[in-house]
């Protein structure tokens, strides 16, 4: 299985970014490479730039090193 990238985020209840507001969470992906995910992340971030409590991140479904070496 190849490494995949996702863009996740939404609007949070405060600037500590610990609790996402129900119904605002968004997930995009999977993407085959970081560059594709980064483009979506930039678009999401730009679209929400006036929302102080909105945050999006790129995450990866990394394969553990032991499984990568065995493959």
N, C-alpha and C. Protein backbone atom coordinates (compact mmCIF):
# COMPACT_ATOMS: atom_id res chain seq x y z
N UNK A 1 0.84 -1.18 0.00
CA UNK A 1 0.00 0.00 0.00
C UNK A 1 0.89 1.25 0.00
N UNK A 2 0.60 2.15 -0.89
CA UNK A 2 1.38 3.39 -0.99
C UNK A 2 0.95 4.38 0.07
N UNK A 3 1.86 5.27 0.38
CA UNK A 3 1.56 6.36 1.30
C UNK A 3 0.51 7.26 0.67
N UNK A 4 -0.48 7.67 1.46
CA UNK A 4 -1.54 8.55 0.98
C UNK A 4 -1.58 9.80 1.84
N UNK A 5 -2.07 10.88 1.24
CA UNK A 5 -2.16 12.16 1.94
C UNK A 5 -3.61 12.62 1.96
N UNK A 6 -4.00 13.27 3.04
CA UNK A 6 -5.35 13.76 3.25
C UNK A 6 -5.29 15.21 3.74
N UNK A 7 -6.31 15.98 3.41
CA UNK A 7 -6.47 17.32 3.97
C UNK A 7 -7.68 17.25 4.89
N UNK A 8 -7.49 17.62 6.14
CA UNK A 8 -8.56 17.57 7.13
C UNK A 8 -8.64 18.89 7.87
N UNK A 9 -9.84 19.23 8.32
CA UNK A 9 -9.97 20.46 9.09
C UNK A 9 -11.41 20.90 9.19
N UNK A 10 -11.58 22.16 9.52
CA UNK A 10 -12.90 22.74 9.69
C UNK A 10 -12.82 23.93 10.62
N UNK A 11 -13.97 24.26 11.21
CA UNK A 11 -14.03 25.40 12.13
C UNK A 11 -14.01 24.89 13.57
N UNK A 12 -13.15 25.47 14.37
CA UNK A 12 -12.99 25.04 15.76
C UNK A 12 -13.72 25.99 16.70
N UNK A 13 -14.01 25.50 17.91
CA UNK A 13 -14.79 26.29 18.87
C UNK A 13 -14.01 27.47 19.44
N UNK A 14 -12.67 27.39 19.44
CA UNK A 14 -11.86 28.50 19.92
C UNK A 14 -10.47 28.42 19.31
N UNK A 15 -9.62 29.35 19.66
CA UNK A 15 -8.29 29.43 19.05
C UNK A 15 -7.29 28.44 19.64
N UNK A 16 -7.72 27.59 20.56
CA UNK A 16 -6.86 26.50 21.03
C UNK A 16 -6.88 25.33 20.05
N UNK A 17 -7.86 25.30 19.16
CA UNK A 17 -7.99 24.28 18.11
C UNK A 17 -8.04 22.86 18.66
N UNK A 18 -8.79 22.67 19.76
CA UNK A 18 -8.93 21.32 20.33
C UNK A 18 -10.27 20.68 19.98
N UNK A 19 -11.32 21.48 19.81
CA UNK A 19 -12.66 20.95 19.58
C UNK A 19 -13.24 21.54 18.30
N UNK A 20 -13.48 20.66 17.32
CA UNK A 20 -14.06 21.12 16.06
C UNK A 20 -15.58 21.27 16.25
N UNK A 21 -16.16 22.28 15.64
CA UNK A 21 -17.60 22.50 15.73
C UNK A 21 -18.30 21.44 14.88
N UNK A 22 -19.26 20.77 15.49
CA UNK A 22 -19.98 19.70 14.82
C UNK A 22 -20.59 20.19 13.51
N UNK A 23 -20.40 19.40 12.48
CA UNK A 23 -20.94 19.73 11.17
C UNK A 23 -20.02 20.55 10.28
N UNK A 24 -18.88 21.00 10.82
CA UNK A 24 -17.96 21.81 10.01
C UNK A 24 -16.74 21.03 9.54
N UNK A 25 -16.56 19.82 10.03
CA UNK A 25 -15.39 19.02 9.67
C UNK A 25 -15.41 18.64 8.20
N UNK A 26 -14.25 18.72 7.58
CA UNK A 26 -14.12 18.36 6.16
C UNK A 26 -12.88 17.49 5.97
N UNK A 27 -13.00 16.54 5.06
CA UNK A 27 -11.89 15.66 4.71
C UNK A 27 -11.81 15.58 3.20
N UNK A 28 -10.61 15.75 2.66
CA UNK A 28 -10.37 15.67 1.23
C UNK A 28 -9.27 14.65 0.98
N UNK A 29 -9.44 13.81 -0.01
CA UNK A 29 -8.41 12.82 -0.31
C UNK A 29 -9.02 11.45 -0.48
N UNK A 30 -8.20 10.47 -0.65
CA UNK A 30 -6.74 10.49 -0.53
C UNK A 30 -6.06 11.04 -1.79
N UNK A 31 -4.87 11.57 -1.57
CA UNK A 31 -4.02 12.06 -2.65
C UNK A 31 -2.77 11.19 -2.71
N UNK A 32 -2.27 10.96 -3.90
CA UNK A 32 -1.11 10.09 -4.08
C UNK A 32 0.21 10.77 -3.74
N UNK A 33 0.21 12.12 -3.72
CA UNK A 33 1.46 12.81 -3.40
C UNK A 33 1.15 14.08 -2.60
N UNK A 34 2.18 14.55 -1.93
CA UNK A 34 2.05 15.72 -1.05
C UNK A 34 1.65 16.96 -1.84
N UNK A 35 2.17 17.12 -3.02
CA UNK A 35 1.91 18.31 -3.81
C UNK A 35 0.42 18.45 -4.14
N UNK A 36 -0.24 17.35 -4.45
CA UNK A 36 -1.68 17.39 -4.74
C UNK A 36 -2.47 17.79 -3.50
N UNK A 37 -2.09 17.22 -2.36
CA UNK A 37 -2.75 17.57 -1.10
C UNK A 37 -2.50 19.03 -0.74
N UNK A 38 -1.29 19.49 -1.00
CA UNK A 38 -0.95 20.88 -0.67
C UNK A 38 -1.79 21.86 -1.47
N UNK A 39 -2.09 21.54 -2.72
CA UNK A 39 -2.92 22.43 -3.53
C UNK A 39 -4.32 22.56 -2.92
N UNK A 40 -4.90 21.44 -2.51
CA UNK A 40 -6.23 21.48 -1.88
C UNK A 40 -6.15 22.21 -0.54
N UNK A 41 -5.09 21.96 0.23
CA UNK A 41 -4.90 22.66 1.51
C UNK A 41 -4.85 24.17 1.28
N UNK A 42 -4.11 24.61 0.27
CA UNK A 42 -4.02 26.05 -0.02
C UNK A 42 -5.39 26.62 -0.39
N UNK A 43 -6.13 25.88 -1.21
CA UNK A 43 -7.47 26.34 -1.61
C UNK A 43 -8.39 26.46 -0.39
N UNK A 44 -8.38 25.45 0.49
CA UNK A 44 -9.21 25.48 1.70
C UNK A 44 -8.79 26.62 2.62
N UNK A 45 -7.51 26.77 2.80
CA UNK A 45 -7.00 27.83 3.68
C UNK A 45 -7.35 29.21 3.14
N UNK A 46 -7.23 29.38 1.84
CA UNK A 46 -7.56 30.67 1.22
C UNK A 46 -9.06 30.95 1.34
N UNK A 47 -9.88 29.94 1.11
CA UNK A 47 -11.33 30.13 1.17
C UNK A 47 -11.80 30.47 2.58
N UNK A 48 -11.04 30.08 3.59
CA UNK A 48 -11.42 30.31 4.99
C UNK A 48 -10.53 31.33 5.69
N UNK A 49 -9.82 32.14 4.94
CA UNK A 49 -8.81 33.04 5.52
C UNK A 49 -9.39 34.07 6.48
N UNK A 50 -10.68 34.37 6.38
CA UNK A 50 -11.27 35.36 7.28
C UNK A 50 -11.91 34.72 8.51
N UNK A 51 -11.82 33.41 8.62
CA UNK A 51 -12.36 32.68 9.77
C UNK A 51 -11.20 32.34 10.70
N UNK A 52 -11.06 33.08 11.79
CA UNK A 52 -9.92 32.89 12.69
C UNK A 52 -9.88 31.49 13.30
N UNK A 53 -11.02 30.87 13.46
CA UNK A 53 -11.08 29.55 14.10
C UNK A 53 -11.06 28.39 13.10
N UNK A 54 -10.84 28.68 11.83
CA UNK A 54 -10.77 27.61 10.82
C UNK A 54 -9.32 27.19 10.65
N UNK A 55 -9.12 25.89 10.54
CA UNK A 55 -7.76 25.38 10.35
C UNK A 55 -7.84 24.09 9.53
N UNK A 56 -6.90 23.94 8.62
CA UNK A 56 -6.77 22.73 7.81
C UNK A 56 -5.34 22.24 7.88
N UNK A 57 -5.17 20.93 7.83
CA UNK A 57 -3.85 20.32 7.91
C UNK A 57 -3.73 19.20 6.89
N UNK A 58 -2.50 18.88 6.53
CA UNK A 58 -2.22 17.73 5.68
C UNK A 58 -1.73 16.61 6.58
N UNK A 59 -2.37 15.46 6.47
CA UNK A 59 -1.96 14.29 7.24
C UNK A 59 -1.64 13.16 6.27
N UNK A 60 -0.88 12.19 6.75
CA UNK A 60 -0.50 11.07 5.90
C UNK A 60 -0.83 9.75 6.57
N UNK A 61 -1.17 8.79 5.76
CA UNK A 61 -1.37 7.43 6.26
C UNK A 61 -0.07 6.68 6.04
N UNK A 62 0.92 7.03 6.84
CA UNK A 62 2.27 6.47 6.68
C UNK A 62 2.28 4.99 6.99
N UNK A 63 3.09 4.28 6.26
CA UNK A 63 3.26 2.85 6.45
C UNK A 63 4.39 2.65 7.46
N UNK A 64 4.17 1.84 8.52
CA UNK A 64 5.25 1.61 9.48
C UNK A 64 6.51 1.09 8.81
N UNK A 65 7.66 1.47 9.33
CA UNK A 65 8.95 1.12 8.72
C UNK A 65 9.11 -0.38 8.53
N UNK A 66 8.66 -1.19 9.49
CA UNK A 66 8.81 -2.64 9.38
C UNK A 66 8.05 -3.17 8.17
N UNK A 67 6.85 -2.66 7.95
CA UNK A 67 6.06 -3.13 6.81
C UNK A 67 6.66 -2.65 5.50
N UNK A 68 7.22 -1.44 5.48
CA UNK A 68 7.84 -0.93 4.25
C UNK A 68 9.03 -1.78 3.85
N UNK A 69 9.83 -2.17 4.81
CA UNK A 69 11.02 -2.97 4.52
C UNK A 69 10.66 -4.37 4.06
N UNK A 70 9.54 -4.91 4.56
CA UNK A 70 9.12 -6.25 4.20
C UNK A 70 8.50 -6.29 2.81
N UNK A 71 7.98 -5.17 2.36
CA UNK A 71 7.27 -5.13 1.06
C UNK A 71 8.22 -5.20 -0.11
